[in-house]
């Protein structure tokens, strides 16, 4: 039997750069979905031990762990996104720490792609396609949300005050999201504002 090699959904060495905004693909070492009860000390202790931070309980916020971000995505659900150079083996570490605790952890890396958008105009680019209020007072560093962007559904989080944003989307929509972001940035950069129109959604 031939081995199947996993390939990142976006292999571009570099993506188009525009005035005030830069876009690049990010390949997390791991993406994990966690389910559990944040009111149970055993669950909180296990997550803290394995990931380096307790699961955040404030809606739509994220916490920094050991080489990863832990995002609140629901009252009993979180996403752990491990940096490309972050520690390996987080899935096994979480499972081992949880033991018999009533909880669940699932690997999602194969099904998702991540992009990073940064620069002074990045908020304006994102605002063209999402109903979220992205003003810094409403969506600053440490905030996250699940939302629509263009014709896709994304997990969006603010990394810092530059600002820098990370966007996670299903693998099959990765190319569309890249092209949509590039088209909007290109249009904003154009002096006459009449440049590219965002691309249509991909045909299933």
Foldseek 3Di string as FASTA:
>chain_A
DDDDDQDALDDDPAADDFPFKGKDWFQFLFKKKKFDALVDPLLQVLCCVLFVHGADQPAFFWDHGQQWIWGDADNGMIMTTHGNPGDPDSVVSSCVSCPPPPMDMDTDSRFKIKMKMFGPCRLVLQVVFWPDDCDCVRANAGGWYWTTGHNFIWIKHFHHHSTMMMIMGTSVQVVLVSQQSVQSSVLVRDPVSPDGDRDHGDDD
